[in-house]
Amino acid sequence: MNIRDAILQAKKDGLCITRKSMPNSYFYPTNGVGRTIICRENGSFVVPGWEPQLNDLIATDWKISTVKPEKITDSQLERWSADMIENLKKEADKASK
């Protein structure tokens, strides 16, 4: 299945998606600050902000997992937003040197 179809189907049940070629990697796409969140098998969050590469976008081995992510709290979103801003500042500082 392609990534779009996997996301649409998983969204209905609030589940993560995964790839057959990437066992134990679970992705939860959002429209929020976290973008696509990488989850553990128990549904806890590992890291927000995963960005698929070209190979991920054109792959046909996507599937719906049974992993249901934990609820995202406002404090998590605020922390992720602050972390992303800090990382962007660091990258800008490096680029200007």
PDB file of N, CA and C in Angstrom:
ATOM      1  N   MET A   1       0.863  -1.169   0.000  1.00  0.00           N
ATOM      2  CA  MET A   1       0.000   0.000   0.000  1.00  0.00           C
ATOM      3  C   MET A   1       0.908   1.230   0.000  1.00  0.00           C
ATOM      4  N   ASN A   2       0.468   2.333  -0.603  1.00  0.00           N
ATOM      5  CA  ASN A   2       1.269   3.550  -0.589  1.00  0.00           C
ATOM      6  C   ASN A   2       1.019   4.331   0.705  1.00  0.00           C
ATOM      7  N   ILE A   3       1.857   5.322   0.970  1.00  0.00           N
ATOM      8  CA  ILE A   3       1.799   6.042   2.250  1.00  0.00           C
ATOM      9  C   ILE A   3       0.475   6.793   2.414  1.00  0.00           C
ATOM     10  N   ARG A   4      -0.031   7.368   1.344  1.00  0.00           N
ATOM     11  CA  ARG A   4      -1.300   8.110   1.438  1.00  0.00           C
ATOM     12  C   ARG A   4      -2.442   7.200   1.858  1.00  0.00           C
ATOM     13  N   ASP A   5      -2.570   6.071   1.188  1.00  0.00           N
ATOM     14  CA  ASP A   5      -3.653   5.142   1.516  1.00  0.00           C
ATOM     15  C   ASP A   5      -3.508   4.594   2.938  1.00  0.00           C
ATOM     16  N   ALA A   6      -2.264   4.331   3.344  1.00  0.00           N
ATOM     17  CA  ALA A   6      -2.031   3.837   4.703  1.00  0.00           C
ATOM     18  C   ALA A   6      -2.449   4.880   5.742  1.00  0.00           C
ATOM     19  N   ILE A   7      -2.100   6.132   5.499  1.00  0.00           N
ATOM     20  CA  ILE A   7      -2.462   7.206   6.434  1.00  0.00           C
ATOM     21  C   ILE A   7      -3.978   7.364   6.514  1.00  0.00           C
ATOM     22  N   LEU A   8      -4.644   7.397   5.375  1.00  0.00           N
ATOM     23  CA  LEU A   8      -6.097   7.568   5.367  1.00  0.00           C
ATOM     24  C   LEU A   8      -6.806   6.443   6.122  1.00  0.00           C
ATOM     25  N   GLN A   9      -6.342   5.220   5.922  1.00  0.00           N
ATOM     26  CA  GLN A   9      -6.962   4.080   6.591  1.00  0.00           C
ATOM     27  C   GLN A   9      -6.647   4.078   8.095  1.00  0.00           C
ATOM     28  N   ALA A  10      -5.396   4.357   8.458  1.00  0.00           N
ATOM     29  CA  ALA A  10      -4.995   4.351   9.866  1.00  0.00           C
ATOM     30  C   ALA A  10      -5.660   5.479  10.643  1.00  0.00           C
ATOM     31  N   LYS A  11      -5.859   6.611   9.987  1.00  0.00           N
ATOM     32  CA  LYS A  11      -6.453   7.781  10.636  1.00  0.00           C
ATOM     33  C   LYS A  11      -7.853   7.465  11.172  1.00  0.00           C
ATOM     34  N   LYS A  12      -8.586   6.635  10.464  1.00  0.00           N
ATOM     35  CA  LYS A  12      -9.952   6.292  10.879  1.00  0.00           C
ATOM     36  C   LYS A  12      -9.986   5.661  12.265  1.00  0.00           C
ATOM     37  N   ASP A  13      -8.964   4.870  12.579  1.00  0.00           N
ATOM     38  CA  ASP A  13      -8.919   4.173  13.870  1.00  0.00           C
ATOM     39  C   ASP A  13      -7.888   4.749  14.832  1.00  0.00           C
ATOM     40  N   GLY A  14      -7.252   5.857  14.447  1.00  0.00           N
ATOM     41  CA  GLY A  14      -6.257   6.477  15.312  1.00  0.00           C
ATOM     42  C   GLY A  14      -5.018   5.630  15.515  1.00  0.00           C
ATOM     43  N   LEU A  15      -4.593   4.922  14.461  1.00  0.00           N
ATOM     44  CA  LEU A  15      -3.443   4.027  14.561  1.00  0.00           C
ATOM     45  C   LEU A  15      -2.229   4.597  13.842  1.00  0.00           C
ATOM     46  N   CYS A  16      -1.071   4.057  14.163  1.00  0.00           N
ATOM     47  CA  CYS A  16       0.170   4.400  13.477  1.00  0.00           C
ATOM     48  C   CYS A  16       0.275   3.600  12.184  1.00  0.00           C
ATOM     49  N   ILE A  17       1.174   4.056  11.323  1.00  0.00           N
ATOM     50  CA  ILE A  17       1.502   3.303  10.124  1.00  0.00           C
ATOM     51  C   ILE A  17       2.928   2.788  10.256  1.00  0.00           C
ATOM     52  N   THR A  18       3.266   1.801   9.469  1.00  0.00           N
ATOM     53  CA  THR A  18       4.608   1.228   9.475  1.00  0.00           C
ATOM     54  C   THR A  18       4.915   0.707   8.083  1.00  0.00           C
ATOM     55  N   ARG A  19       6.160   0.307   7.884  1.00  0.00           N
ATOM     56  CA  ARG A  19       6.550  -0.300   6.614  1.00  0.00           C
ATOM     57  C   ARG A  19       7.027  -1.711   6.870  1.00  0.00           C
ATOM     58  N   LYS A  20       6.736  -2.589   5.942  1.00  0.00           N
ATOM     59  CA  LYS A  20       7.227  -3.973   6.051  1.00  0.00           C
ATOM     60  C   LYS A  20       8.744  -3.999   6.118  1.00  0.00           C
ATOM     61  N   SER A  21       9.396  -3.066   5.425  1.00  0.00           N
ATOM     62  CA  SER A  21      10.857  -3.020   5.397  1.00  0.00           C
ATOM     63  C   SER A  21      11.454  -2.298   6.604  1.00  0.00           C
ATOM     64  N   MET A  22      10.605  -1.763   7.478  1.00  0.00           N
ATOM     65  CA  MET A  22      11.077  -1.039   8.667  1.00  0.00           C
ATOM     66  C   MET A  22      10.355  -1.564   9.911  1.00  0.00           C
ATOM     67  N   PRO A  23      10.557  -2.831  10.248  1.00  0.00           N
ATOM     68  CA  PRO A  23       9.855  -3.382  11.415  1.00  0.00           C
ATOM     69  C   PRO A  23      10.232  -2.627  12.684  1.00  0.00           C
ATOM     70  N   ASN A  24       9.277  -2.508  13.574  1.00  0.00           N
ATOM     71  CA  ASN A  24       9.457  -1.816  14.856  1.00  0.00           C
ATOM     72  C   ASN A  24       9.605  -0.303  14.722  1.00  0.00           C
ATOM     73  N   SER A  25       9.219   0.263  13.588  1.00  0.00           N
ATOM     74  CA  SER A  25       9.172   1.703  13.388  1.00  0.00           C
ATOM     75  C   SER A  25       7.717   2.073  13.126  1.00  0.00           C
ATOM     76  N   TYR A  26       7.177   2.938  13.972  1.00  0.00           N
ATOM     77  CA  TYR A  26       5.759   3.291  13.886  1.00  0.00           C
ATOM     78  C   TYR A  26       5.634   4.804  13.768  1.00  0.00           C
ATOM     79  N   PHE A  27       4.833   5.255  12.811  1.00  0.00           N
ATOM     80  CA  PHE A  27       4.722   6.670  12.496  1.00  0.00           C
ATOM     81  C   PHE A  27       3.275   7.125  12.641  1.00  0.00           C
ATOM     82  N   TYR A  28       3.098   8.280  13.302  1.00  0.00           N
ATOM     83  CA  TYR A  28       1.765   8.833  13.518  1.00  0.00           C
ATOM     84  C   TYR A  28       1.717  10.243  12.925  1.00  0.00           C
ATOM     85  N   PRO A  29       1.197  10.391  11.700  1.00  0.00           N
ATOM     86  CA  PRO A  29       1.127  11.711  11.069  1.00  0.00           C
ATOM     87  C   PRO A  29       0.091  12.614  11.753  1.00  0.00           C
ATOM     88  N   THR A  30       0.451  13.881  11.916  1.00  0.00           N
ATOM     89  CA  THR A  30      -0.461  14.868  12.497  1.00  0.00           C
ATOM     90  C   THR A  30      -0.396  16.151  11.674  1.00  0.00           C
ATOM     91  N   ASN A  31      -1.277  17.078  11.976  1.00  0.00           N
ATOM     92  CA  ASN A  31      -1.227  18.418  11.392  1.00  0.00           C
ATOM     93  C   ASN A  31      -0.614  19.403  12.374  1.00  0.00           C
ATOM     94  N   GLY A  32      -0.152  18.908  13.508  1.00  0.00           N
ATOM     95  CA  GLY A  32       0.364  19.769  14.559  1.00  0.00           C
ATOM     96  C   GLY A  32       1.861  19.981  14.484  1.00  0.00           C
ATOM     97  N   VAL A  33       2.362  20.624  15.520  1.00  0.00           N
ATOM     98  CA  VAL A  33       3.778  20.937  15.643  1.00  0.00           C
ATOM     99  C   VAL A  33       4.638  19.692  15.515  1.00  0.00           C
ATOM    100  N   GLY A  34       4.148  18.567  16.017  1.00  0.00           N
ATOM    101  CA  GLY A  34       4.916  17.333  15.980  1.00  0.00           C
ATOM    102  C   GLY A  34       5.051  16.722  14.603  1.00  0.00           C
ATOM    103  N   ARG A  35       4.307  17.250  13.637  1.00  0.00           N
ATOM    104  CA  ARG A  35       4.274  16.705  12.277  1.00  0.00           C
ATOM    105  C   ARG A  35       4.009  15.208  12.331  1.00  0.00           C
ATOM    106  N   THR A  36       4.964  14.419  11.909  1.00  0.00           N
ATOM    107  CA  THR A  36       4.804  12.972  12.015  1.00  0.00           C
ATOM    108  C   THR A  36       5.640  12.505  13.198  1.00  0.00           C
ATOM    109  N   ILE A  37       4.992  11.819  14.127  1.00  0.00           N
ATOM    110  CA  ILE A  37       5.629  11.407  15.375  1.00  0.00           C
ATOM    111  C   ILE A  37       6.023   9.941  15.284  1.00  0.00           C
ATOM    112  N   ILE A  38       7.238   9.647  15.694  1.00  0.00           N
ATOM    113  CA  ILE A  38       7.693   8.260  15.758  1.00  0.00           C
ATOM    114  C   ILE A  38       7.297   7.715  17.125  1.00  0.00           C
ATOM    115  N   CYS A  39       6.646   6.556  17.111  1.00  0.00           N
ATOM    116  CA  CYS A  39       6.162   5.935  18.349  1.00  0.00           C
ATOM    117  C   CYS A  39       6.863   4.609  18.614  1.00  0.00           C
ATOM    118  N   ARG A  40       6.834   4.224  19.878  1.00  0.00           N
ATOM    119  CA  ARG A  40       7.294   2.885  20.269  1.00  0.00           C
ATOM    120  C   ARG A  40       6.126   1.919  20.094  1.00  0.00           C
ATOM    121  N   GLU A  41       6.421   0.647  20.234  1.00  0.00           N
ATOM    122  CA  GLU A  41       5.400  -0.383  20.077  1.00  0.00           C
ATOM    123  C   GLU A  41       4.275  -0.248  21.099  1.00  0.00           C
ATOM    124  N   ASN A  42       4.569   0.343  22.272  1.00  0.00           N
ATOM    125  CA  ASN A  42       3.542   0.517  23.297  1.00  0.00           C
ATOM    126  C   ASN A  42       2.741   1.809  23.104  1.00  0.00           C
ATOM    127  N   GLY A  43       3.055   2.586  22.052  1.00  0.00           N
ATOM    128  CA  GLY A  43       2.318   3.806  21.751  1.00  0.00           C
ATOM    129  C   GLY A  43       2.925   5.062  22.332  1.00  0.00           C
ATOM    130  N   SER A  44       3.960   4.929  23.172  1.00  0.00           N
ATOM    131  CA  SER A  44       4.598   6.131  23.713  1.00  0.00           C
ATOM    132  C   SER A  44       5.430   6.797  22.618  1.00  0.00           C
ATOM    133  N   PHE A  45       5.652   8.085  22.777  1.00  0.00           N
ATOM    134  CA  PHE A  45       6.346   8.854  21.752  1.00  0.00           C
ATOM    135  C   PHE A  45       7.854   8.767  21.904  1.00  0.00           C
ATOM    136  N   VAL A  46       8.517   8.659  20.771  1.00  0.00           N
ATOM    137  CA  VAL A  46       9.974   8.677  20.758  1.00  0.00           C
ATOM    138  C   VAL A  46      10.443  10.076  20.384  1.00  0.00           C
ATOM    139  N   VAL A  47       9.973  10.548  19.238  1.00  0.00           N
ATOM    140  CA  VAL A  47      10.418  11.852  18.762  1.00  0.00           C
ATOM    141  C   VAL A  47       9.419  12.390  17.724  1.00  0.00           C
ATOM    142  N   PRO A  48       9.159  13.689  17.764  1.00  0.00           N
ATOM    143  CA  PRO A  48       8.312  14.301  16.732  1.00  0.00           C
ATOM    144  C   PRO A  48       9.172  14.772  15.563  1.00  0.00           C
ATOM    145  N   GLY A  49       8.506  15.094  14.484  1.00  0.00           N
ATOM    146  CA  GLY A  49       9.169  15.773  13.381  1.00  0.00           C
ATOM    147  C   GLY A  49       9.798  14.882  12.330  1.00  0.00           C
ATOM    148  N   TRP A  50       9.416  13.609  12.268  1.00  0.00           N
ATOM    149  CA  TRP A  50       9.973  12.742  11.224  1.00  0.00           C
ATOM    150  C   TRP A  50       9.532  13.266   9.862  1.00  0.00           C
ATOM    151  N   GLU A  51      10.483  13.327   8.957  1.00  0.00           N
ATOM    152  CA  GLU A  51      10.191  13.756   7.597  1.00  0.00           C
ATOM    153  C   GLU A  51      10.559  12.631   6.639  1.00  0.00           C
ATOM    154  N   PRO A  52       9.591  12.120   5.901  1.00  0.00           N
ATOM    155  CA  PRO A  52       9.882  11.014   4.993  1.00  0.00           C
ATOM    156  C   PRO A  52      10.816  11.439   3.866  1.00  0.00           C
ATOM    157  N   GLN A  53      11.666  10.520   3.472  1.00  0.00           N
ATOM    158  CA  GLN A  53      12.530  10.731   2.317  1.00  0.00           C
ATOM    159  C   GLN A  53      11.779  10.290   1.068  1.00  0.00           C
ATOM    160  N   LEU A  54      12.356  10.567  -0.082  1.00  0.00           N
ATOM    161  CA  LEU A  54      11.728  10.192  -1.345  1.00  0.00           C
ATOM    162  C   LEU A  54      11.381   8.710  -1.375  1.00  0.00           C
ATOM    163  N   ASN A  55      12.318   7.861  -0.942  1.00  0.00           N
ATOM    164  CA  ASN A  55      12.064   6.417  -0.956  1.00  0.00           C
ATOM    165  C   ASN A  55      10.857   6.044  -0.098  1.00  0.00           C
ATOM    166  N   ASP A  56      10.654   6.747   1.012  1.00  0.00           N
ATOM    167  CA  ASP A  56       9.490   6.492   1.860  1.00  0.00           C
ATOM    168  C   ASP A  56       8.205   6.898   1.144  1.00  0.00           C
ATOM    169  N   LEU A  57       8.257   8.037   0.465  1.00  0.00           N
ATOM    170  CA  LEU A  57       7.062   8.553  -0.205  1.00  0.00           C
ATOM    171  C   LEU A  57       6.608   7.701  -1.384  1.00  0.00           C
ATOM    172  N   ILE A  58       7.544   7.058  -2.063  1.00  0.00           N
ATOM    173  CA  ILE A  58       7.168   6.263  -3.238  1.00  0.00           C
ATOM    174  C   ILE A  58       7.067   4.767  -2.934  1.00  0.00           C
ATOM    175  N   ALA A  59       7.363   4.380  -1.702  1.00  0.00           N
ATOM    176  CA  ALA A  59       7.314   2.962  -1.322  1.00  0.00           C
ATOM    177  C   ALA A  59       5.881   2.435  -1.367  1.00  0.00           C
ATOM    178  N   THR A  60       5.764   1.151  -1.614  1.00  0.00           N
ATOM    179  CA  THR A  60       4.447   0.509  -1.648  1.00  0.00           C
ATOM    180  C   THR A  60       4.314  -0.563  -0.572  1.00  0.00           C
ATOM    181  N   ASP A  61       5.214  -0.533   0.424  1.00  0.00           N
ATOM    182  CA  ASP A  61       5.149  -1.539   1.493  1.00  0.00           C
ATOM    183  C   ASP A  61       4.609  -0.973   2.807  1.00  0.00           C
ATOM    184  N   TRP A  62       3.899   0.155   2.732  1.00  0.00           N
ATOM    185  CA  TRP A  62       3.287   0.734   3.930  1.00  0.00           C
ATOM    186  C   TRP A  62       2.094  -0.113   4.362  1.00  0.00           C
ATOM    187  N   LYS A  63       1.863  -0.152   5.659  1.00  0.00           N
ATOM    188  CA  LYS A  63       0.699  -0.863   6.189  1.00  0.00           C
ATOM    189  C   LYS A  63       0.251  -0.211   7.486  1.00  0.00           C
ATOM    190  N   ILE A  64      -0.947  -0.554   7.907  1.00  0.00           N
ATOM    191  CA  ILE A  64      -1.500  -0.052   9.159  1.00  0.00           C
ATOM    192  C   ILE A  64      -0.969  -0.947  10.279  1.00  0.00           C
ATOM    193  N   SER A  65      -0.487  -0.329  11.347  1.00  0.00           N
ATOM    194  CA  SER A  65      -0.006  -1.120  12.485  1.00  0.00           C
ATOM    195  C   SER A  65      -1.147  -1.272  13.491  1.00  0.00           C
ATOM    196  N   THR A  66      -0.897  -2.000  14.534  1.00  0.00           N
ATOM    197  CA  THR A  66      -1.866  -2.118  15.625  1.00  0.00           C
ATOM    198  C   THR A  66      -1.519  -1.164  16.759  1.00  0.00           C
ATOM    199  N   VAL A  67      -0.475  -0.349  16.557  1.00  0.00           N
ATOM    200  CA  VAL A  67      -0.015   0.583  17.593  1.00  0.00           C
ATOM    201  C   VAL A  67      -0.913   1.807  17.614  1.00  0.00           C
ATOM    202  N   LYS A  68      -1.476   2.080  18.792  1.00  0.00           N
ATOM    203  CA  LYS A  68      -2.299   3.264  18.995  1.00  0.00           C
ATOM    204  C   LYS A  68      -1.496   4.238  19.859  1.00  0.00           C
ATOM    205  N   PRO A  69      -1.168   5.422  19.332  1.00  0.00           N
ATOM    206  CA  PRO A  69      -0.335   6.350  20.095  1.00  0.00           C
ATOM    207  C   PRO A  69      -1.052   6.914  21.308  1.00  0.00           C
ATOM    208  N   GLU A  70      -0.249   7.246  22.325  1.00  0.00           N
ATOM    209  CA  GLU A  70      -0.826   7.884  23.502  1.00  0.00           C
ATOM    210  C   GLU A  70      -1.298   9.279  23.127  1.00  0.00           C
ATOM    211  N   LYS A  71      -2.135   9.846  23.952  1.00  0.00           N
ATOM    212  CA  LYS A  71      -2.671  11.185  23.690  1.00  0.00           C
ATOM    213  C   LYS A  71      -1.559  12.224  23.808  1.00  0.00           C
ATOM    214  N   ILE A  72      -1.521  13.140  22.873  1.00  0.00           N
ATOM    215  CA  ILE A  72      -0.534  14.212  22.882  1.00  0.00           C
ATOM    216  C   ILE A  72      -1.046  15.326  23.794  1.00  0.00           C
ATOM    217  N   THR A  73      -0.230  15.724  24.752  1.00  0.00           N
ATOM    218  CA  THR A  73      -0.627  16.775  25.688  1.00  0.00           C
ATOM    219  C   THR A  73      -0.162  18.141  25.193  1.00  0.00           C
ATOM    220  N   ASP A  74      -0.798  19.199  25.716  1.00  0.00           N
ATOM    221  CA  ASP A  74      -0.388  20.549  25.353  1.00  0.00           C
ATOM    222  C   ASP A  74       1.050  20.822  25.776  1.00  0.00           C
ATOM    223  N   SER A  75       1.461  20.287  26.928  1.00  0.00           N
ATOM    224  CA  SER A  75       2.837  20.529  27.385  1.00  0.00           C
ATOM    225  C   SER A  75       3.847  19.858  26.444  1.00  0.00           C
ATOM    226  N   GLN A  76       3.504  18.684  25.897  1.00  0.00           N
ATOM    227  CA  GLN A  76       4.391  18.042  24.923  1.00  0.00           C
ATOM    228  C   GLN A  76       4.513  18.903  23.670  1.00  0.00           C
ATOM    229  N   LEU A  77       3.384  19.405  23.187  1.00  0.00           N
ATOM    230  CA  LEU A  77       3.411  20.248  21.991  1.00  0.00           C
ATOM    231  C   LEU A  77       4.235  21.510  22.222  1.00  0.00           C
ATOM    232  N   GLU A  78       4.098  22.122  23.398  1.00  0.00           N
ATOM    233  CA  GLU A  78       4.866  23.323  23.712  1.00  0.00           C
ATOM    234  C   GLU A  78       6.359  23.019  23.766  1.00  0.00           C
ATOM    235  N   ARG A  79       6.720  21.883  24.387  1.00  0.00           N
ATOM    236  CA  ARG A  79       8.128  21.502  24.493  1.00  0.00           C
ATOM    237  C   ARG A  79       8.699  21.221  23.106  1.00  0.00           C
ATOM    238  N   TRP A  80       7.942  20.485  22.263  1.00  0.00           N
ATOM    239  CA  TRP A  80       8.408  20.185  20.910  1.00  0.00           C
ATOM    240  C   TRP A  80       8.598  21.462  20.111  1.00  0.00           C
ATOM    241  N   SER A  81       7.667  22.390  20.249  1.00  0.00           N
ATOM    242  CA  SER A  81       7.762  23.653  19.524  1.00  0.00           C
ATOM    243  C   SER A  81       9.013  24.418  19.959  1.00  0.00           C
ATOM    244  N   ALA A  82       9.240  24.494  21.257  1.00  0.00           N
ATOM    245  CA  ALA A  82      10.422  25.193  21.773  1.00  0.00           C
ATOM    246  C   ALA A  82      11.705  24.505  21.299  1.00  0.00           C
ATOM    247  N   ASP A  83      11.721  23.187  21.317  1.00  0.00           N
ATOM    248  CA  ASP A  83      12.903  22.437  20.860  1.00  0.00           C
ATOM    249  C   ASP A  83      13.168  22.684  19.382  1.00  0.00           C
ATOM    250  N   MET A  84      12.109  22.695  18.573  1.00  0.00           N
ATOM    251  CA  MET A  84      12.284  22.922  17.139  1.00  0.00           C
ATOM    252  C   MET A  84      12.833  24.322  16.871  1.00  0.00           C
ATOM    253  N   ILE A  85      12.316  25.312  17.590  1.00  0.00           N
ATOM    254  CA  ILE A  85      12.796  26.684  17.419  1.00  0.00           C
ATOM    255  C   ILE A  85      14.261  26.773  17.818  1.00  0.00           C
ATOM    256  N   GLU A  86      14.623  26.154  18.925  1.00  0.00           N
ATOM    257  CA  GLU A  86      16.018  26.157  19.384  1.00  0.00           C
ATOM    258  C   GLU A  86      16.937  25.491  18.358  1.00  0.00           C
ATOM    259  N   ASN A  87      16.496  24.375  17.801  1.00  0.00           N
ATOM    260  CA  ASN A  87      17.306  23.684  16.797  1.00  0.00           C
ATOM    261  C   ASN A  87      17.463  24.513  15.527  1.00  0.00           C
ATOM    262  N   LEU A  88      16.407  25.209  15.128  1.00  0.00           N
ATOM    263  CA  LEU A  88      16.500  26.076  13.950  1.00  0.00           C
ATOM    264  C   LEU A  88      17.480  27.218  14.190  1.00  0.00           C
ATOM    265  N   LYS A  89      17.472  27.772  15.392  1.00  0.00           N
ATOM    266  CA  LYS A  89      18.420  28.835  15.726  1.00  0.00           C
ATOM    267  C   LYS A  89      19.852  28.320  15.662  1.00  0.00           C
ATOM    268  N   LYS A  90      20.084  27.126  16.195  1.00  0.00           N
ATOM    269  CA  LYS A  90      21.427  26.545  16.163  1.00  0.00           C
ATOM    270  C   LYS A  90      21.891  26.314  14.729  1.00  0.00           C
ATOM    271  N   GLU A  91      20.986  25.815  13.891  1.00  0.00           N
ATOM    272  CA  GLU A  91      21.334  25.576  12.486  1.00  0.00           C
ATOM    273  C   GLU A  91      21.650  26.896  11.777  1.00  0.00           C
ATOM    274  N   ALA A  92      20.880  27.942  12.080  1.00  0.00           N
ATOM    275  CA  ALA A  92      21.122  29.248  11.472  1.00  0.00           C
ATOM    276  C   ALA A  92      22.465  29.809  11.921  1.00  0.00           C
ATOM    277  N   ASP A  93      22.797  29.629  13.202  1.00  0.00           N
ATOM    278  CA  ASP A  93      24.088  30.091  13.712  1.00  0.00           C
ATOM    279  C   ASP A  93      25.243  29.379  13.018  1.00  0.00           C
ATOM    280  N   LYS A  94      25.110  28.068  12.838  1.00  0.00           N
ATOM    281  CA  LYS A  94      26.158  27.286  12.162  1.00  0.00           C
ATOM    282  C   LYS A  94      26.322  27.749  10.718  1.00  0.00           C
ATOM    283  N   ALA A  95      25.200  27.998  10.061  1.00  0.00           N
ATOM    284  CA  ALA A  95      25.242  28.392   8.653  1.00  0.00           C
ATOM    285  C   ALA A  95      25.862  29.775   8.459  1.00  0.00           C
ATOM    286  N   SER A  96      25.729  30.634   9.457  1.00  0.00           N
ATOM    287  CA  SER A  96      26.243  31.997   9.326  1.00  0.00           C
ATOM    288  C   SER A  96      27.732  32.098   9.635  1.00  0.00           C
ATOM    289  N   LYS A  97      28.318  31.011  10.113  1.00  0.00           N
ATOM    290  CA  LYS A  97      29.754  31.043  10.463  1.00  0.00           C
ATOM    291  C   LYS A  97      30.617  30.645   9.303  1.00  0.00           C
TER     292      LYS A  97
END
